[in-house]
Amino acid sequence: MAIGYSDGPARCFGKALYKNKVSSRLTLKNDVIKALLDVASREKLIAEQEKGRWRLCLDEALVNAIVHGNNGDPRRFVKVTLMAGNSRWAVLIEDEGEGFDPKDIPESGSLRSLYAESGRGILLMKEFTDELRYYRRGASVMLVKSKPSKMGKKTPVKGKSNDPEGS
């Protein structure tokens, strides 16, 4: 799966199930992660066995926003939105930073990715999500996942498109 990257704003979809705006303090991230996972569980968006992976992905995304995006400045904020459409759901995390150059992301499986001081969290998020999309030059990240079907399998999505809902 490729990482999507756009200069424009995020294209949200479906219904917002959780919204929060928190100060850039690492001490607040665990409460946000717990709230996101609670909503995702209650809405049956995530299977119990996926919670650990999602906890890790959300932790990586929030740390990136707080530390790299907002430089740990508690006067800056991180916005978090959990949304769900018909076949997919997503978490959008937005910081107030300048973003980053996608060329700085090491390719998964490359020797550079194994020894890189940063970027491994992005590769991890890429591995555990169906789509990883960056907006606003990287100052916003959307982690997209297919909804599980009633049989415990992912809901099939017809083709890939630029629309995270999969049109």
Protein backbone atom coordinates (compact mmCIF):
# COMPACT_ATOMS: atom_id res chain seq x y z
CA MET A 1 0.00 0.00 0.00
CA ALA A 2 1.31 3.42 -0.93
CA ILE A 3 1.16 6.38 1.37
CA GLY A 4 -1.14 9.12 0.06
CA TYR A 5 0.18 12.69 0.29
CA SER A 6 -1.61 15.94 -0.55
CA ASP A 7 -1.07 19.65 0.04
CA GLY A 8 -4.81 20.20 0.44
CA PRO A 9 -7.13 19.66 3.41
CA ALA A 10 -8.36 16.21 4.44
CA ARG A 11 -11.49 14.90 2.78
CA CYS A 12 -13.63 13.64 5.63
CA PHE A 13 -16.44 11.16 5.07
CA GLY A 14 -19.34 9.58 6.90
CA LYS A 15 -20.37 10.60 10.38
CA ALA A 16 -18.05 12.05 13.03
CA LEU A 17 -18.30 9.77 16.08
CA TYR A 18 -15.62 11.45 18.21
CA LYS A 19 -13.99 14.88 18.10
CA ASN A 20 -11.43 16.35 20.46
CA LYS A 21 -8.90 19.16 20.51
CA VAL A 22 -6.06 18.71 22.99
CA SER A 23 -3.01 20.66 24.02
CA SER A 24 0.31 19.27 22.72
CA ARG A 25 1.17 17.44 25.93
CA LEU A 26 2.29 13.82 25.77
CA THR A 27 0.59 13.22 29.12
CA LEU A 28 -2.82 13.68 27.41
CA LYS A 29 -2.38 11.19 24.56
CA ASN A 30 -3.28 8.03 26.49
CA ASP A 31 -6.69 9.47 27.45
CA VAL A 32 -7.34 10.32 23.78
CA ILE A 33 -6.28 6.83 22.66
CA LYS A 34 -8.53 5.21 25.27
CA ALA A 35 -11.50 7.35 24.19
CA LEU A 36 -10.92 6.54 20.50
CA LEU A 37 -10.65 2.81 21.16
CA ASP A 38 -13.75 2.88 23.39
CA VAL A 39 -15.81 4.55 20.65
CA ALA A 40 -14.42 2.24 17.95
CA SER A 41 -15.28 -0.80 20.10
CA ARG A 42 -18.75 0.46 21.01
CA GLU A 43 -19.50 1.14 17.34
CA LYS A 44 -18.11 -2.29 16.37
CA LEU A 45 -15.48 -0.76 14.08
CA ILE A 46 -12.62 -2.71 15.58
CA ALA A 47 -12.22 -6.31 16.68
CA GLU A 48 -10.82 -6.99 20.15
CA GLN A 49 -7.69 -8.61 18.69
CA GLU A 50 -6.93 -5.44 16.68
CA LYS A 51 -6.96 -3.08 19.68
CA GLY A 52 -3.24 -3.51 20.42
CA ARG A 53 -2.27 -2.67 16.85
CA TRP A 54 -4.57 0.35 16.80
CA ARG A 55 -3.28 1.53 20.18
CA LEU A 56 0.23 1.47 18.69
CA CYS A 57 -0.85 3.27 15.49
CA LEU A 58 -2.72 5.98 17.40
CA ASP A 59 0.19 6.41 19.80
CA GLU A 60 2.61 6.86 16.86
CA ALA A 61 0.33 9.34 15.10
CA LEU A 62 -0.29 11.40 18.25
CA VAL A 63 3.39 11.44 19.24
CA ASN A 64 4.29 12.56 15.70
CA ALA A 65 1.71 15.38 15.89
CA ILE A 66 2.72 16.52 19.38
CA VAL A 67 6.50 16.14 19.18
CA HIS A 68 7.32 16.65 15.49
CA GLY A 69 4.35 18.70 14.27
CA ASN A 70 3.81 21.00 17.24
CA ASN A 71 7.33 20.74 18.68
CA GLY A 72 5.87 19.79 22.07
CA ASP A 73 4.53 23.33 22.49
CA PRO A 74 1.54 23.09 24.90
CA ARG A 75 0.14 26.33 23.40
CA ARG A 76 -0.42 24.43 20.15
CA PHE A 77 -3.23 21.93 19.69
CA VAL A 78 -3.88 18.57 18.08
CA LYS A 79 -7.35 17.87 16.66
CA VAL A 80 -8.60 14.29 16.59
CA THR A 81 -11.67 13.03 14.73
CA LEU A 82 -13.00 9.48 14.41
CA MET A 83 -15.40 9.11 11.48
CA ALA A 84 -17.30 6.21 9.96
CA GLY A 85 -18.89 5.74 6.56
CA ASN A 86 -20.71 2.79 5.01
CA SER A 87 -17.71 0.54 4.46
CA ARG A 88 -14.79 2.29 6.14
CA TRP A 89 -13.84 4.22 9.22
CA ALA A 90 -10.93 6.51 9.92
CA VAL A 91 -9.10 8.59 12.48
CA LEU A 92 -7.89 12.03 11.39
CA ILE A 93 -5.14 13.65 13.47
CA GLU A 94 -4.23 17.27 12.70
CA ASP A 95 -1.42 19.34 14.16
CA GLU A 96 -0.48 23.00 13.75
CA GLY A 97 2.95 22.30 12.26
CA GLU A 98 4.45 22.83 8.82
CA GLY A 99 4.30 19.18 7.74
CA PHE A 100 7.17 17.18 6.26
CA ASP A 101 8.67 16.04 2.98
CA PRO A 102 7.37 12.59 1.97
CA LYS A 103 10.80 11.81 0.50
CA ASP A 104 12.01 11.58 4.12
CA ILE A 105 9.85 8.47 4.69
CA PRO A 106 11.97 5.35 4.22
CA GLU A 107 10.55 2.62 1.97
CA SER A 108 9.33 -0.41 3.90
CA GLY A 109 11.72 -3.33 3.66
CA SER A 110 14.67 -1.16 2.74
CA LEU A 111 17.91 -1.24 4.67
CA ARG A 112 17.46 2.49 5.26
CA SER A 113 14.14 1.85 7.04
CA LEU A 114 15.75 -0.61 9.47
CA TYR A 115 18.40 1.85 10.62
CA ALA A 116 16.53 5.15 10.28
CA GLU A 117 16.27 7.25 13.43
CA SER A 118 12.73 8.25 12.47
CA GLY A 119 10.01 7.15 10.08
CA ARG A 120 9.54 3.63 11.46
CA GLY A 121 6.26 4.67 13.11
CA ILE A 122 4.91 5.74 9.73
CA LEU A 123 5.88 2.36 8.27
CA LEU A 124 4.12 0.65 11.18
CA MET A 125 0.94 2.68 10.64
CA LYS A 126 1.12 1.86 6.93
CA GLU A 127 1.33 -1.85 7.74
CA PHE A 128 -1.64 -1.89 10.15
CA THR A 129 -4.09 0.28 8.21
CA ASP A 130 -5.78 -0.13 4.83
CA GLU A 131 -4.84 3.41 3.81
CA LEU A 132 -2.51 5.98 5.30
CA ARG A 133 -3.09 9.44 3.86
CA TYR A 134 -1.32 12.70 4.66
CA TYR A 135 -2.84 16.12 4.01
CA ARG A 136 -1.68 19.71 4.42
CA ARG A 137 1.91 18.73 3.51
CA GLY A 138 1.88 16.12 6.28
CA ALA A 139 0.38 18.20 9.11
CA SER A 140 -2.73 15.95 9.00
CA VAL A 141 -2.79 12.17 8.87
CA MET A 142 -5.77 9.92 8.20
CA LEU A 143 -5.61 6.26 9.21
CA VAL A 144 -8.29 4.40 7.24
CA LYS A 145 -9.60 0.89 7.89
CA SER A 146 -12.38 -1.23 6.37
CA LYS A 147 -15.25 -2.01 8.69
CA PRO A 148 -15.45 -5.62 9.82
CA SER A 149 -18.37 -7.54 8.37
CA LYS A 150 -20.91 -9.26 10.56
CA MET A 151 -18.97 -12.50 9.99
CA GLY A 152 -15.82 -10.96 11.49
CA LYS A 153 -14.17 -10.33 8.12
CA LYS A 154 -13.48 -6.99 6.50
CA THR A 155 -16.27 -5.48 4.44
CA PRO A 156 -15.18 -5.77 0.80
CA VAL A 157 -14.44 -2.45 -0.85
CA LYS A 158 -14.79 -2.11 -4.61
CA GLY A 159 -11.54 -0.70 -5.97
CA LYS A 160 -9.36 2.01 -4.54
CA SER A 161 -9.87 5.69 -5.19
CA ASN A 162 -8.74 9.02 -3.84
CA ASP A 163 -11.92 9.04 -1.77
CA PRO A 164 -11.18 7.30 1.56
CA GLU A 165 -14.75 5.98 1.56
CA GLY A 166 -13.88 3.89 -1.49
CA SER A 167 -16.84 5.17 -3.59
